[in-house]
């Protein structure tokens, strides 16, 4: 047994003991997983539920056995009623393993996409892995909350409390994806037994989730939709489609592309390039590599392309442009330099 596998096994055994103690005193576990939207739904659910319950969430990007154990060790107290756990996975069987350790009362699937395709090995394995929580909830009689706006989830999951989408139209209001995530949090509240009046009141206290399709006008000195934390093929298309509707602006896409797509990387980036055409006025590609070259090939000179070495260089580039309309910049993903 490798050191990492042994370490994770030991952490999971300790987590299982702590969860058993928590549930013995009446605690409820909500486990959230999916290819995208996990952190946003987790944080929004925490905002909602804490208006009624003593609630603890795994913080930052603590979605591994080590991170969950740290949260339980340093933040769990006897007055906590609801524990919201975000769980990530890179291979088949991991999510089911977490289900057996965490024993969730409510399971959540936020969406399925070709995220970490290189690690999983195939699209079929991603689907198999991400739907493990659905099979667990079905076997235990627990409640499953799932994103009904995701076609793959809708196709693969038999039964769930589906949460709807509620798109809006302007930059000043909540963006489409934020509304989807908020509706997920509200459905979690309903599953836990909150009334519609309680949910409506609590939803007034939702906070924005930084760098996850976050509209901001002061952080970068211009109007920006900051979606730099993470991205996948589906969320990329959704974000660019939203950008395309903002016609009062000069619509600018800044992206280094997507990582961990394995042998499908060139084809997916070329497809994304073709999709971009007609939806924005300028594309700024970050880094010269296979990802950005493939995207440029898909664009095929049908939109002006500028190249920069690092993402934040977009601020000077945009400010130096002589634009007739105010710019609106979509920052889609931010790839570490080692990629």
Protein backbone atom coordinates (compact mmCIF):
# COMPACT_ATOMS: atom_id res chain seq x y z
CA UNK A 1 0.00 0.00 0.00
CA UNK A 2 1.44 3.39 -1.00
CA UNK A 3 2.06 6.07 1.61
CA UNK A 4 -0.65 8.37 0.18
CA UNK A 5 -3.24 5.57 0.05
CA UNK A 6 -2.42 4.51 3.60
CA UNK A 7 -2.60 8.11 4.82
CA UNK A 8 -6.00 8.67 3.20
CA UNK A 9 -7.31 5.38 4.59
CA UNK A 10 -6.28 6.36 8.11
CA UNK A 11 -7.86 9.81 7.73
CA UNK A 12 -11.08 8.24 6.45
CA UNK A 13 -11.24 5.85 9.40
CA UNK A 14 -10.84 8.79 11.79
CA UNK A 15 -13.47 10.81 9.87
CA UNK A 16 -15.90 7.87 10.09
CA UNK A 17 -15.56 7.78 13.88
CA UNK A 18 -16.12 11.54 14.19
CA UNK A 19 -19.12 11.44 11.86
CA UNK A 20 -20.65 8.59 13.87
CA UNK A 21 -20.33 10.71 17.02
CA UNK A 22 -21.81 13.73 15.22
CA UNK A 23 -24.79 11.78 13.89
CA UNK A 24 -25.36 10.05 17.27
CA UNK A 25 -26.17 13.46 18.73
CA UNK A 26 -28.64 14.20 15.92
CA UNK A 27 -26.37 15.88 13.36
CA UNK A 28 -27.16 16.01 9.65
CA UNK A 29 -24.53 15.54 6.94
CA UNK A 30 -24.90 17.16 3.51
CA UNK A 31 -22.37 15.89 0.96
CA UNK A 32 -21.83 17.89 -2.24
CA UNK A 33 -20.00 16.60 -5.29
CA UNK A 34 -19.86 17.12 -9.05
CA UNK A 35 -17.55 18.31 -11.80
CA UNK A 36 -18.29 21.98 -11.26
CA UNK A 37 -20.23 24.27 -8.92
CA UNK A 38 -19.35 22.34 -5.74
CA UNK A 39 -17.77 25.21 -3.84
CA UNK A 40 -20.38 27.77 -4.93
CA UNK A 41 -23.31 25.57 -3.91
CA UNK A 42 -21.57 24.66 -0.65
CA UNK A 43 -20.96 28.28 0.32
CA UNK A 44 -24.44 29.40 -0.73
CA UNK A 45 -26.04 26.50 1.14
CA UNK A 46 -24.05 27.50 4.21
CA UNK A 47 -25.28 31.10 3.87
CA UNK A 48 -28.86 29.86 3.64
CA UNK A 49 -28.88 27.16 6.31
CA UNK A 50 -27.01 29.09 8.98
CA UNK A 51 -29.97 31.49 9.26
CA UNK A 52 -31.83 28.62 10.96
CA UNK A 53 -29.27 25.99 11.98
CA UNK A 54 -25.85 25.84 13.60
CA UNK A 55 -23.94 25.00 10.45
CA UNK A 56 -20.34 24.01 9.69
CA UNK A 57 -18.88 23.73 6.18
CA UNK A 58 -15.58 22.42 4.89
CA UNK A 59 -13.67 25.59 4.11
CA UNK A 60 -11.55 26.79 1.19
CA UNK A 61 -10.80 23.85 -1.10
CA UNK A 62 -10.89 21.22 1.61
CA UNK A 63 -12.56 18.48 -0.43
CA UNK A 64 -10.12 15.62 0.31
CA UNK A 65 -9.86 13.26 3.28
CA UNK A 66 -7.09 15.41 4.78
CA UNK A 67 -9.10 18.62 4.42
CA UNK A 68 -12.30 17.11 5.82
CA UNK A 69 -10.37 15.72 8.78
CA UNK A 70 -8.85 19.16 9.47
CA UNK A 71 -12.31 20.75 9.50
CA UNK A 72 -13.64 18.13 11.91
CA UNK A 73 -10.57 18.38 14.15
CA UNK A 74 -10.35 22.15 14.43
CA UNK A 75 -13.87 23.49 13.78
CA UNK A 76 -16.48 20.90 14.79
CA UNK A 77 -18.19 21.73 18.10
CA UNK A 78 -21.03 20.07 20.00
CA UNK A 79 -23.55 22.74 19.00
CA UNK A 80 -23.16 22.10 15.23
CA UNK A 81 -26.39 20.70 13.76
CA UNK A 82 -25.56 20.54 10.04
CA UNK A 83 -22.20 19.62 8.47
CA UNK A 84 -21.85 20.56 4.79
CA UNK A 85 -19.04 18.64 3.10
CA UNK A 86 -17.62 19.27 -0.36
CA UNK A 87 -16.01 16.17 -1.88
CA UNK A 88 -13.78 15.92 -4.95
CA UNK A 89 -12.63 12.81 -6.81
CA UNK A 90 -10.17 11.82 -9.52
CA UNK A 91 -11.08 8.18 -10.02
CA UNK A 92 -13.97 5.74 -9.91
CA UNK A 93 -14.79 4.58 -6.39
CA UNK A 94 -13.60 7.66 -4.47
CA UNK A 95 -17.02 9.28 -4.10
CA UNK A 96 -18.62 6.01 -3.01
CA UNK A 97 -15.81 5.64 -0.46
CA UNK A 98 -16.58 9.09 0.95
CA UNK A 99 -20.29 8.24 1.04
CA UNK A 100 -19.59 5.20 3.22
CA UNK A 101 -17.46 7.31 5.55
CA UNK A 102 -19.63 10.44 5.73
CA UNK A 103 -23.03 8.66 5.57
CA UNK A 104 -24.80 11.73 4.13
CA UNK A 105 -28.46 12.39 4.89
CA UNK A 106 -28.61 14.62 1.82
CA UNK A 107 -26.44 14.11 -1.26
CA UNK A 108 -25.95 16.75 -3.96
CA UNK A 109 -24.77 16.50 -7.58
CA UNK A 110 -24.00 19.94 -8.99
CA UNK A 111 -23.18 18.81 -12.55
CA UNK A 112 -21.09 16.49 -14.68
CA UNK A 113 -18.56 17.65 -17.27
CA UNK A 114 -15.24 16.60 -18.81
CA UNK A 115 -13.33 17.95 -15.85
CA UNK A 116 -10.06 16.07 -15.13
CA UNK A 117 -10.61 13.86 -18.18
CA UNK A 118 -6.89 13.05 -18.26
CA UNK A 119 -7.01 11.65 -14.71
CA UNK A 120 -10.23 9.67 -15.10
CA UNK A 121 -9.25 8.25 -18.48
CA UNK A 122 -12.62 8.49 -20.22
CA UNK A 123 -15.93 10.36 -20.25
CA UNK A 124 -17.72 7.15 -19.24
CA UNK A 125 -15.60 6.85 -16.10
CA UNK A 126 -16.34 10.46 -15.15
CA UNK A 127 -20.07 9.74 -15.39
CA UNK A 128 -19.69 6.53 -13.41
CA UNK A 129 -17.73 8.29 -10.68
CA UNK A 130 -19.89 11.39 -10.35
CA UNK A 131 -23.13 9.39 -10.11
CA UNK A 132 -21.88 7.16 -7.29
CA UNK A 133 -23.54 9.46 -4.77
CA UNK A 134 -26.89 8.94 -6.51
CA UNK A 135 -26.57 5.18 -6.18
CA UNK A 136 -25.58 5.52 -2.52
CA UNK A 137 -28.53 7.79 -1.67
CA UNK A 138 -30.88 5.38 -3.45
CA UNK A 139 -29.51 2.42 -1.47
CA UNK A 140 -29.87 4.19 1.89
CA UNK A 141 -33.15 6.01 1.26
CA UNK A 142 -31.50 9.40 1.69
CA UNK A 143 -32.40 12.55 -0.22
CA UNK A 144 -30.62 13.38 -3.47
CA UNK A 145 -30.59 16.97 -4.75
CA UNK A 146 -29.39 17.33 -8.35
CA UNK A 147 -28.95 19.95 -11.05
CA UNK A 148 -31.79 19.39 -13.51
CA UNK A 149 -30.21 21.92 -15.86
CA UNK A 150 -27.32 19.52 -16.55
CA UNK A 151 -28.30 17.16 -19.38
CA UNK A 152 -25.90 14.41 -18.31
CA UNK A 153 -27.14 14.43 -14.71
CA UNK A 154 -30.75 14.40 -15.89
CA UNK A 155 -30.02 11.45 -18.16
CA UNK A 156 -28.00 9.36 -15.71
CA UNK A 157 -29.85 9.93 -12.43
CA UNK A 158 -33.17 8.15 -11.89
CA UNK A 159 -34.73 10.19 -9.13
CA UNK A 160 -33.82 13.40 -7.30
CA UNK A 161 -35.09 16.70 -6.02
CA UNK A 162 -34.25 18.66 -9.16
CA UNK A 163 -33.32 22.29 -8.84
CA UNK A 164 -34.21 24.64 -11.68
CA UNK A 165 -32.36 27.41 -13.48
CA UNK A 166 -33.45 31.01 -13.26
CA UNK A 167 -31.43 33.13 -15.72
CA UNK A 168 -31.23 36.90 -15.51
CA UNK A 169 -30.16 39.40 -18.09
CA UNK A 170 -27.88 42.13 -16.79
CA UNK A 171 -24.37 42.36 -15.37
CA UNK A 172 -25.61 44.28 -12.36
CA UNK A 173 -27.91 41.43 -11.35
CA UNK A 174 -26.98 37.90 -10.45
CA UNK A 175 -25.54 36.00 -13.39
CA UNK A 176 -27.14 32.88 -14.85
CA UNK A 177 -24.78 30.40 -13.23
CA UNK A 178 -25.05 32.14 -9.87
CA UNK A 179 -28.83 31.80 -10.06
CA UNK A 180 -28.47 28.09 -10.83
CA UNK A 181 -26.19 27.64 -7.80
CA UNK A 182 -28.54 29.66 -5.60
CA UNK A 183 -31.47 27.50 -6.65
CA UNK A 184 -29.40 24.47 -5.66
CA UNK A 185 -28.82 25.92 -2.21
CA UNK A 186 -32.53 26.66 -1.85
CA UNK A 187 -33.43 23.09 -2.81
CA UNK A 188 -31.02 21.84 -0.14
CA UNK A 189 -32.89 24.06 2.33
CA UNK A 190 -36.20 22.52 1.28
CA UNK A 191 -34.75 19.03 1.61
CA UNK A 192 -33.70 19.88 5.15
CA UNK A 193 -37.23 21.09 5.97
CA UNK A 194 -37.01 24.88 5.69
CA UNK A 195 -40.22 26.67 4.75
CA UNK A 196 -40.51 28.88 1.67
CA UNK A 197 -40.68 31.98 3.89
CA UNK A 198 -37.53 30.91 5.74
CA UNK A 199 -35.73 30.27 2.45
CA UNK A 200 -36.82 33.62 1.00
CA UNK A 201 -35.62 35.49 4.07
CA UNK A 202 -32.32 33.59 4.26
CA UNK A 203 -31.63 34.04 0.53
CA UNK A 204 -31.42 37.79 1.07
CA UNK A 205 -28.13 37.14 2.85
CA UNK A 206 -26.42 35.28 -0.01
CA UNK A 207 -22.86 36.48 -0.59
CA UNK A 208 -20.96 36.37 -3.87
CA UNK A 209 -18.44 33.56 -4.28
CA UNK A 210 -15.06 35.06 -5.31
CA UNK A 211 -13.67 34.20 -8.77
CA UNK A 212 -16.60 31.93 -9.63
CA UNK A 213 -18.54 33.83 -12.28
CA UNK A 214 -18.36 36.90 -10.09
CA UNK A 215 -19.26 40.27 -11.56
CA UNK A 216 -16.90 43.02 -10.36
CA UNK A 217 -16.12 46.55 -11.52
CA UNK A 218 -13.42 47.60 -9.05
CA UNK A 219 -10.96 44.72 -8.65
CA UNK A 220 -9.44 45.14 -12.11
CA UNK A 221 -10.33 48.75 -12.88
CA UNK A 222 -13.04 47.78 -15.40
CA UNK A 223 -16.14 45.61 -15.70
CA UNK A 224 -15.07 41.99 -15.34
CA UNK A 225 -16.83 38.67 -14.98
CA UNK A 226 -14.26 36.81 -12.92
CA UNK A 227 -14.58 33.10 -13.64
CA UNK A 228 -10.89 32.44 -13.13
CA UNK A 229 -11.04 29.85 -10.36
CA UNK A 230 -11.84 26.84 -12.49
CA UNK A 231 -13.47 25.89 -15.77
CA UNK A 232 -14.64 23.00 -17.90
CA UNK A 233 -16.12 22.62 -21.35
CA UNK A 234 -19.73 23.15 -20.26
CA UNK A 235 -19.10 26.11 -17.96
CA UNK A 236 -16.86 27.68 -20.64
CA UNK A 237 -19.72 27.53 -23.17
CA UNK A 238 -22.24 28.84 -20.61
CA UNK A 239 -19.99 31.76 -19.67
CA UNK A 240 -19.27 32.79 -23.26
CA UNK A 241 -22.97 32.50 -24.13
CA UNK A 242 -23.74 34.88 -21.27
CA UNK A 243 -21.04 37.25 -22.49
CA UNK A 244 -22.56 37.22 -25.99
CA UNK A 245 -25.78 38.76 -24.66
CA UNK A 246 -24.03 41.82 -23.20
CA UNK A 247 -24.17 43.82 -26.43
CA UNK A 248 -23.87 47.29 -24.90
CA UNK A 249 -20.22 46.46 -24.12
CA UNK A 250 -17.14 45.56 -26.13
CA UNK A 251 -17.15 41.88 -25.19
CA UNK A 252 -13.67 40.53 -24.44
CA UNK A 253 -12.77 36.94 -23.59
CA UNK A 254 -9.49 36.28 -21.74
CA UNK A 255 -8.54 32.62 -21.40
CA UNK A 256 -5.59 30.20 -21.25
CA UNK A 257 -7.93 27.34 -22.17
CA UNK A 258 -8.68 24.22 -20.15
CA UNK A 259 -6.33 21.67 -18.61
CA UNK A 260 -6.39 17.90 -17.99
CA UNK A 261 -8.34 17.04 -21.13
CA UNK A 262 -5.91 14.34 -22.20
CA UNK A 263 -6.04 13.18 -25.81
CA UNK A 264 -9.22 15.21 -26.43
CA UNK A 265 -7.57 18.55 -25.64
CA UNK A 266 -6.90 19.70 -29.22
CA UNK A 267 -10.35 18.72 -30.47
CA UNK A 268 -12.17 20.34 -27.53
CA UNK A 269 -10.20 23.59 -27.80
CA UNK A 270 -10.78 23.80 -31.54
CA UNK A 271 -14.50 23.22 -30.94
CA UNK A 272 -14.51 25.96 -28.28
CA UNK A 273 -12.78 28.30 -30.72
CA UNK A 274 -15.53 27.73 -33.30
CA UNK A 275 -18.16 28.28 -30.60
CA UNK A 276 -16.65 31.64 -29.62
CA UNK A 277 -17.13 33.10 -33.11
CA UNK A 278 -19.96 35.63 -33.09
CA UNK A 279 -20.18 35.70 -29.29
CA UNK A 280 -17.45 38.20 -28.44
CA UNK A 281 -15.60 41.08 -30.06
CA UNK A 282 -12.04 40.28 -29.01
CA UNK A 283 -10.22 37.22 -27.68
CA UNK A 284 -7.07 37.49 -25.56
CA UNK A 285 -5.29 34.15 -25.31
CA UNK A 286 -2.92 33.54 -22.40
CA UNK A 287 0.25 31.63 -23.30
CA UNK A 288 1.36 30.07 -26.57
CA UNK A 289 0.76 26.34 -26.35
CA UNK A 290 -1.31 23.47 -27.71
CA UNK A 291 -4.47 24.69 -25.96
CA UNK A 292 -4.40 28.24 -27.22
CA UNK A 293 -3.12 27.26 -30.69
CA UNK A 294 -6.03 24.85 -31.07
CA UNK A 295 -8.50 27.49 -29.95
CA UNK A 296 -7.03 29.99 -32.41
CA UNK A 297 -7.39 27.40 -35.16
CA UNK A 298 -11.06 27.05 -34.29
CA UNK A 299 -11.56 30.82 -34.37
CA UNK A 300 -9.89 30.80 -37.81
CA UNK A 301 -9.28 34.58 -37.97
CA UNK A 302 -13.00 35.33 -37.62
CA UNK A 303 -12.38 37.31 -34.41
CA UNK A 304 -9.38 39.47 -33.57
CA UNK A 305 -6.94 37.62 -31.28
CA UNK A 306 -4.30 39.13 -29.01
CA UNK A 307 -1.74 37.08 -27.08
CA UNK A 308 -0.35 37.69 -23.58
CA UNK A 309 1.99 35.67 -21.37
CA UNK A 310 0.17 35.98 -18.03
CA UNK A 311 -3.50 36.55 -17.28
CA UNK A 312 -3.25 39.86 -15.41
CA UNK A 313 -1.53 41.48 -18.38
CA UNK A 314 -5.03 41.81 -19.88
CA UNK A 315 -5.59 44.98 -17.80
CA UNK A 316 -2.91 47.01 -19.60
CA UNK A 317 -3.81 45.54 -22.99
CA UNK A 318 -7.49 46.46 -22.63
CA UNK A 319 -6.79 49.92 -21.22
CA UNK A 320 -4.49 50.66 -24.19
CA UNK A 321 -7.22 49.77 -26.71
CA UNK A 322 -9.18 52.64 -28.20
CA UNK A 323 -12.67 51.19 -27.82
CA UNK A 324 -15.90 52.87 -28.84
CA UNK A 325 -17.88 51.00 -26.18
CA UNK A 326 -17.01 50.26 -22.56
CA UNK A 327 -15.26 46.87 -22.23
CA UNK A 328 -16.69 43.87 -20.43
CA UNK A 329 -14.03 41.22 -19.80
CA UNK A 330 -14.74 37.55 -19.11
CA UNK A 331 -11.83 35.88 -17.31
CA UNK A 332 -12.40 32.23 -18.09
CA UNK A 333 -10.07 29.97 -16.11
CA UNK A 334 -6.57 30.67 -14.81
CA UNK A 335 -3.99 27.98 -15.51
CA UNK A 336 -0.92 27.60 -13.25
CA UNK A 337 2.38 28.21 -15.02
CA UNK A 338 3.44 24.56 -14.71
CA UNK A 339 0.67 23.71 -17.17
